[in-house]
């Protein structure tokens, strides 16, 4: 267990804490939930950076990091959907969750079938993650800052993330078909 894997493990531990805080503090902006989510989201970038920088990339880390990411994103999206159960938010959440499942299945298939090239993250996937994490933070907070609705900012952002999810998924599919 190295430092990067420890950070990833902490991210996984933060997920139920975030969910518990979400249900304990149901009125008004969710400061604590958003804070825990931001810490978890930052840890997503930090663990990968440290693993590469400290030459601690491991098989466990390659497995655990994407699992932790998906757990964080899907749990957060379900919490958002719980609070705002409507079609406007359901559509991008559905697109993002389905994309996560399809890309995970593709990655597993590529490994099982011993394709010549692994399914590496593409730039659209990285942009998707950035928009997704920022949007989820705004949606979880669900308050106002200087009279601006963080929910509306998050809603626009989650649609951009859903679009980037589709684009990156199509690129992954094309890469698999070419292999």
Protein backbone atom coordinates (compact mmCIF):
# COMPACT_ATOMS: atom_id res chain seq x y z
CA UNK A 1 0.00 0.00 0.00
CA UNK A 2 1.66 3.21 -1.17
CA UNK A 3 0.70 6.88 -0.69
CA UNK A 4 -1.34 7.07 -3.92
CA UNK A 5 -3.36 3.96 -3.04
CA UNK A 6 -3.89 5.31 0.48
CA UNK A 7 -5.31 8.54 -0.96
CA UNK A 8 -7.59 6.52 -3.24
CA UNK A 9 -8.75 4.46 -0.25
CA UNK A 10 -9.50 7.65 1.69
CA UNK A 11 -11.61 8.84 -1.28
CA UNK A 12 -13.66 5.65 -1.04
CA UNK A 13 -14.12 6.18 2.72
CA UNK A 14 -15.27 9.78 2.11
CA UNK A 15 -18.16 8.63 -0.12
CA UNK A 16 -20.45 7.23 2.63
CA UNK A 17 -19.50 10.19 4.84
CA UNK A 18 -20.63 12.54 2.06
CA UNK A 19 -23.89 10.62 1.65
CA UNK A 20 -24.55 10.65 5.39
CA UNK A 21 -23.94 14.41 5.56
CA UNK A 22 -26.27 14.88 2.60
CA UNK A 23 -29.17 13.30 4.46
CA UNK A 24 -28.34 14.84 7.85
CA UNK A 25 -28.27 18.40 6.53
CA UNK A 26 -31.23 18.57 4.19
CA UNK A 27 -32.13 22.27 4.49
CA UNK A 28 -30.33 25.03 2.60
CA UNK A 29 -26.97 24.92 0.88
CA UNK A 30 -24.95 21.81 1.61
CA UNK A 31 -21.62 23.26 2.75
CA UNK A 32 -20.29 20.09 4.42
CA UNK A 33 -21.38 17.76 1.62
CA UNK A 34 -19.77 20.01 -0.97
CA UNK A 35 -16.59 20.31 1.11
CA UNK A 36 -16.25 16.51 1.41
CA UNK A 37 -16.97 16.13 -2.32
CA UNK A 38 -14.30 18.73 -3.20
CA UNK A 39 -11.73 16.93 -1.02
CA UNK A 40 -12.63 13.62 -2.71
CA UNK A 41 -12.50 15.19 -6.19
CA UNK A 42 -9.09 16.76 -5.51
CA UNK A 43 -7.84 13.41 -4.24
CA UNK A 44 -8.75 11.95 -7.64
CA UNK A 45 -6.15 14.18 -9.29
CA UNK A 46 -3.69 14.00 -6.42
CA UNK A 47 -3.41 10.20 -6.24
CA UNK A 48 -2.67 9.85 -9.96
CA UNK A 49 -0.18 12.70 -9.90
CA UNK A 50 1.66 11.28 -6.89
CA UNK A 51 1.65 7.74 -8.28
CA UNK A 52 3.37 8.95 -11.46
CA UNK A 53 5.65 11.48 -9.75
CA UNK A 54 6.83 9.03 -7.05
CA UNK A 55 6.94 6.09 -9.47
CA UNK A 56 4.29 4.27 -7.41
CA UNK A 57 1.96 3.22 -10.21
CA UNK A 58 0.64 -0.20 -9.19
CA UNK A 59 -1.82 -2.82 -10.37
CA UNK A 60 -3.92 -2.15 -7.28
CA UNK A 61 -3.94 1.56 -8.06
CA UNK A 62 -4.87 0.99 -11.69
CA UNK A 63 -7.84 -1.05 -10.49
CA UNK A 64 -8.84 0.96 -7.42
CA UNK A 65 -8.64 4.50 -8.84
CA UNK A 66 -11.30 4.11 -11.56
CA UNK A 67 -13.54 2.21 -9.12
CA UNK A 68 -13.22 5.03 -6.58
CA UNK A 69 -13.94 7.61 -9.30
CA UNK A 70 -17.09 5.83 -10.43
CA UNK A 71 -18.29 5.32 -6.86
CA UNK A 72 -17.81 9.03 -6.12
CA UNK A 73 -19.47 10.25 -9.32
CA UNK A 74 -22.40 7.83 -9.31
CA UNK A 75 -23.10 8.31 -5.58
CA UNK A 76 -22.99 12.09 -6.00
CA UNK A 77 -25.27 11.99 -9.04
CA UNK A 78 -27.77 9.79 -7.19
CA UNK A 79 -27.78 12.24 -4.27
CA UNK A 80 -28.44 15.10 -6.69
CA UNK A 81 -31.22 13.13 -8.35
CA UNK A 82 -32.71 12.35 -4.93
CA UNK A 83 -33.02 16.06 -4.19
CA UNK A 84 -34.04 17.20 -7.68
CA UNK A 85 -36.07 14.36 -9.13
CA UNK A 86 -37.03 15.72 -12.55
CA UNK A 87 -36.41 14.97 -16.20
CA UNK A 88 -34.13 17.99 -16.71
CA UNK A 89 -31.49 16.57 -14.38
CA UNK A 90 -32.27 12.90 -15.01
CA UNK A 91 -31.24 13.04 -18.70
CA UNK A 92 -27.59 14.11 -18.23
CA UNK A 93 -27.23 11.91 -15.13
CA UNK A 94 -28.51 8.92 -17.09
CA UNK A 95 -26.10 9.65 -19.97
CA UNK A 96 -23.14 9.95 -17.61
CA UNK A 97 -23.95 6.79 -15.63
CA UNK A 98 -24.56 4.74 -18.79
CA UNK A 99 -21.32 6.01 -20.29
CA UNK A 100 -19.40 5.05 -17.16
CA UNK A 101 -20.80 1.52 -17.31
CA UNK A 102 -20.13 1.12 -21.05
CA UNK A 103 -16.56 2.42 -20.84
CA UNK A 104 -15.85 0.22 -17.79
CA UNK A 105 -17.16 -2.81 -19.68
CA UNK A 106 -15.08 -1.86 -22.73
CA UNK A 107 -11.94 -1.58 -20.61
CA UNK A 108 -12.59 -4.98 -19.08
CA UNK A 109 -13.23 -6.51 -22.50
CA UNK A 110 -10.02 -5.03 -23.89
CA UNK A 111 -8.10 -6.61 -21.01
CA UNK A 112 -9.86 -9.98 -21.28
CA UNK A 113 -9.38 -10.21 -25.03
CA UNK A 114 -5.72 -9.14 -24.81
CA UNK A 115 -6.07 -6.33 -27.33
CA UNK A 116 -2.79 -4.98 -28.64
CA UNK A 117 -3.39 -1.56 -27.10
CA UNK A 118 -5.02 -0.71 -23.73
CA UNK A 119 -7.96 1.67 -23.64
CA UNK A 120 -6.20 4.81 -22.40
CA UNK A 121 -7.95 7.95 -21.21
CA UNK A 122 -8.50 10.44 -24.03
CA UNK A 123 -8.54 14.24 -23.78
CA UNK A 124 -12.34 14.34 -24.03
CA UNK A 125 -12.55 11.99 -21.07
CA UNK A 126 -10.31 14.35 -19.09
CA UNK A 127 -12.42 17.39 -20.04
CA UNK A 128 -15.54 15.38 -19.17
CA UNK A 129 -14.14 14.62 -15.74
CA UNK A 130 -13.28 18.29 -15.13
CA UNK A 131 -16.76 19.53 -16.14
CA UNK A 132 -18.39 16.65 -14.30
CA UNK A 133 -16.61 17.30 -11.01
CA UNK A 134 -17.16 21.06 -11.13
CA UNK A 135 -20.82 20.62 -12.04
CA UNK A 136 -21.44 18.02 -9.36
CA UNK A 137 -19.93 20.39 -6.78
CA UNK A 138 -22.30 23.19 -7.84
CA UNK A 139 -25.30 20.83 -7.95
CA UNK A 140 -24.53 19.35 -4.53
CA UNK A 141 -24.17 22.80 -2.96
CA UNK A 142 -27.53 23.85 -4.41
CA UNK A 143 -27.56 27.38 -3.04
CA UNK A 144 -26.78 30.89 -4.19
CA UNK A 145 -23.52 32.77 -4.37
CA UNK A 146 -23.86 36.52 -5.00
CA UNK A 147 -27.49 35.87 -6.05
CA UNK A 148 -26.34 33.34 -8.67
CA UNK A 149 -27.90 29.88 -8.44
CA UNK A 150 -25.19 27.25 -8.13
CA UNK A 151 -27.78 24.70 -9.23
CA UNK A 152 -28.21 26.46 -12.60
CA UNK A 153 -24.43 26.67 -13.10
CA UNK A 154 -24.18 22.99 -12.26
CA UNK A 155 -27.09 22.13 -14.55
CA UNK A 156 -25.46 23.80 -17.57
CA UNK A 157 -22.16 22.18 -16.67
CA UNK A 158 -23.63 18.70 -16.27
CA UNK A 159 -25.10 18.95 -19.77
CA UNK A 160 -21.64 19.84 -21.11
CA UNK A 161 -20.22 16.89 -19.14
CA UNK A 162 -22.92 14.60 -20.58
CA UNK A 163 -22.04 15.75 -24.11
CA UNK A 164 -18.33 15.18 -23.48
CA UNK A 165 -19.24 11.78 -21.99
CA UNK A 166 -20.87 10.79 -25.27
CA UNK A 167 -17.97 12.11 -27.35
CA UNK A 168 -15.33 10.31 -25.28
CA UNK A 169 -17.39 7.09 -25.30
CA UNK A 170 -17.66 7.21 -29.11
CA UNK A 171 -13.90 7.67 -29.35
CA UNK A 172 -13.35 4.69 -27.03
CA UNK A 173 -15.73 2.59 -29.15
CA UNK A 174 -13.89 3.60 -32.33
CA UNK A 175 -10.55 2.72 -30.72
CA UNK A 176 -11.82 -0.74 -29.76
CA UNK A 177 -13.26 -1.35 -33.23
CA UNK A 178 -9.91 -0.38 -34.82
CA UNK A 179 -7.98 -2.82 -32.59
